[in-house]
Protein backbone atom coordinates (compact mmCIF):
# COMPACT_ATOMS: atom_id res chain seq x y z
CA MET A 1 0.05 0.12 -0.09
CA GLU A 2 1.31 3.32 -1.01
CA ALA A 3 -0.13 6.17 1.49
CA LEU A 4 -0.50 9.59 0.01
CA LEU A 5 -1.25 13.17 1.38
CA ILE A 6 -3.27 14.71 -0.83
CA LEU A 7 -3.71 18.72 -0.58
CA THR A 8 -6.32 20.77 -1.98
CA ASN A 9 -7.65 24.28 -1.22
CA CYS A 10 -11.32 25.37 -1.33
CA PRO A 11 -12.82 29.06 -1.66
CA ASP A 12 -15.20 28.42 1.16
CA GLU A 13 -16.22 26.38 4.41
CA GLU A 14 -19.14 24.93 2.31
CA SER A 15 -17.11 23.34 -0.64
CA ALA A 16 -14.35 22.15 2.03
CA ASN A 17 -16.69 20.40 4.21
CA ALA A 18 -18.87 18.79 1.21
CA ILE A 19 -15.57 17.52 -0.23
CA ALA A 20 -14.10 16.28 3.02
CA LEU A 21 -17.28 14.30 3.95
CA ALA A 22 -17.84 13.00 0.41
CA VAL A 23 -14.10 11.62 0.18
CA VAL A 24 -14.48 9.85 3.77
CA GLU A 25 -18.09 8.62 3.05
CA ALA A 26 -17.06 7.01 -0.12
CA GLY A 27 -14.00 5.16 1.53
CA LEU A 28 -11.61 7.11 -0.58
CA ALA A 29 -9.77 8.52 2.44
CA ALA A 30 -9.52 7.47 6.00
CA CYS A 31 -9.20 11.12 7.43
CA VAL A 32 -9.49 14.73 6.06
CA ASN A 33 -8.01 17.69 7.91
CA ILE A 34 -9.95 20.89 7.48
CA LEU A 35 -7.34 23.90 8.09
CA PRO A 36 -8.17 27.21 9.01
CA ARG A 37 -8.38 30.12 6.27
CA VAL A 38 -5.07 30.79 4.61
CA GLN A 39 -4.12 33.85 2.47
CA SER A 40 -2.95 32.42 -1.11
CA LEU A 41 -1.21 34.69 -3.41
CA TYR A 42 -0.90 33.46 -6.98
CA ARG A 43 -0.53 34.13 -10.76
CA TRP A 44 -3.90 33.00 -12.83
CA GLN A 45 -3.89 33.71 -16.43
CA GLY A 46 -1.40 36.46 -16.38
CA VAL A 47 -2.86 38.03 -13.42
CA ILE A 48 -1.59 38.06 -9.82
CA GLU A 49 -4.28 37.27 -7.77
CA SER A 50 -5.02 36.97 -3.97
CA ALA A 51 -7.82 34.98 -2.25
CA THR A 52 -8.40 33.16 1.20
CA GLU A 53 -8.83 29.63 0.86
CA ILE A 54 -9.68 26.43 3.18
CA PRO A 55 -7.03 23.96 2.86
CA LEU A 56 -7.73 20.17 3.09
CA PHE A 57 -5.15 17.57 4.05
CA ILE A 58 -6.55 14.13 2.77
CA LYS A 59 -4.88 10.90 3.83
CA SER A 60 -5.40 8.21 1.32
CA THR A 61 -3.78 5.58 -1.05
CA ALA A 62 -2.18 5.64 -4.60
CA THR A 63 -4.66 3.07 -5.44
CA ASN A 64 -7.56 5.42 -4.57
CA TYR A 65 -6.20 8.48 -6.29
CA PRO A 66 -7.88 8.46 -9.57
CA ALA A 67 -11.27 8.34 -8.07
CA LEU A 68 -10.48 10.69 -5.38
CA GLU A 69 -9.23 13.27 -7.89
CA THR A 70 -12.48 12.69 -9.82
CA LEU A 71 -14.59 13.15 -6.92
CA ILE A 72 -12.70 16.53 -5.94
CA ARG A 73 -13.00 17.58 -9.31
CA ALA A 74 -16.85 16.95 -9.59
CA ARG A 75 -17.44 18.90 -6.41
CA HIS A 76 -14.92 21.70 -6.45
CA PRO A 77 -16.24 25.02 -7.36
CA HIS A 78 -13.20 25.91 -9.37
CA ASP A 79 -12.68 24.58 -13.21
CA THR A 80 -8.83 23.92 -12.27
CA PRO A 81 -8.65 23.12 -8.55
CA GLU A 82 -5.27 22.51 -6.88
CA ILE A 83 -4.98 18.89 -6.25
CA ILE A 84 -1.73 17.59 -5.25
CA ALA A 85 -0.39 14.24 -3.96
CA LEU A 86 2.55 13.64 -1.99
CA PRO A 87 3.75 10.04 -1.22
CA ILE A 88 4.05 9.25 2.45
CA THR A 89 7.36 7.55 2.78
CA GLN A 90 7.59 6.94 6.55
CA GLY A 91 4.98 7.15 9.20
CA LEU A 92 3.84 5.37 12.40
CA PRO A 93 3.18 1.54 11.18
CA ALA A 94 -0.19 1.57 13.18
CA TYR A 95 -1.44 4.64 11.77
CA LEU A 96 -0.55 3.53 8.22
CA ASN A 97 -2.19 0.14 8.58
CA TRP A 98 -5.33 2.04 9.99
CA LEU A 99 -5.24 4.31 7.05
CA ALA A 100 -5.17 1.11 4.62
CA THR A 101 -8.12 -0.43 6.53
CA GLU A 102 -10.06 2.64 6.31
CA THR A 103 -9.94 3.07 2.62
CA VAL A 104 -11.61 0.94 -0.06
CA ASN A 105 -10.29 0.30 -3.57
CA PRO A 106 -12.73 1.97 -6.11
């Protein structure tokens, strides 16, 4: 099992909560941390933008990533949401075992 930490940002609490609940209910993630608002500064279509966003830290597996990405894209209000997957190369074995048992293969 290859564990992943998937990051995405939502423009508001409503979409953040909806995405977090959907991925856990679907068994695509074992846990989602909904962080406090952050200020993001970025270039979009040649213009520097600033926005407040709600970050999500989603704990899942590489096997579940394609379905997870599809679900996030379907529920996210942006046309091009940030979705980044980072490998979890080390972790408490008991936690990683829990992560594996709490996620299902699509």
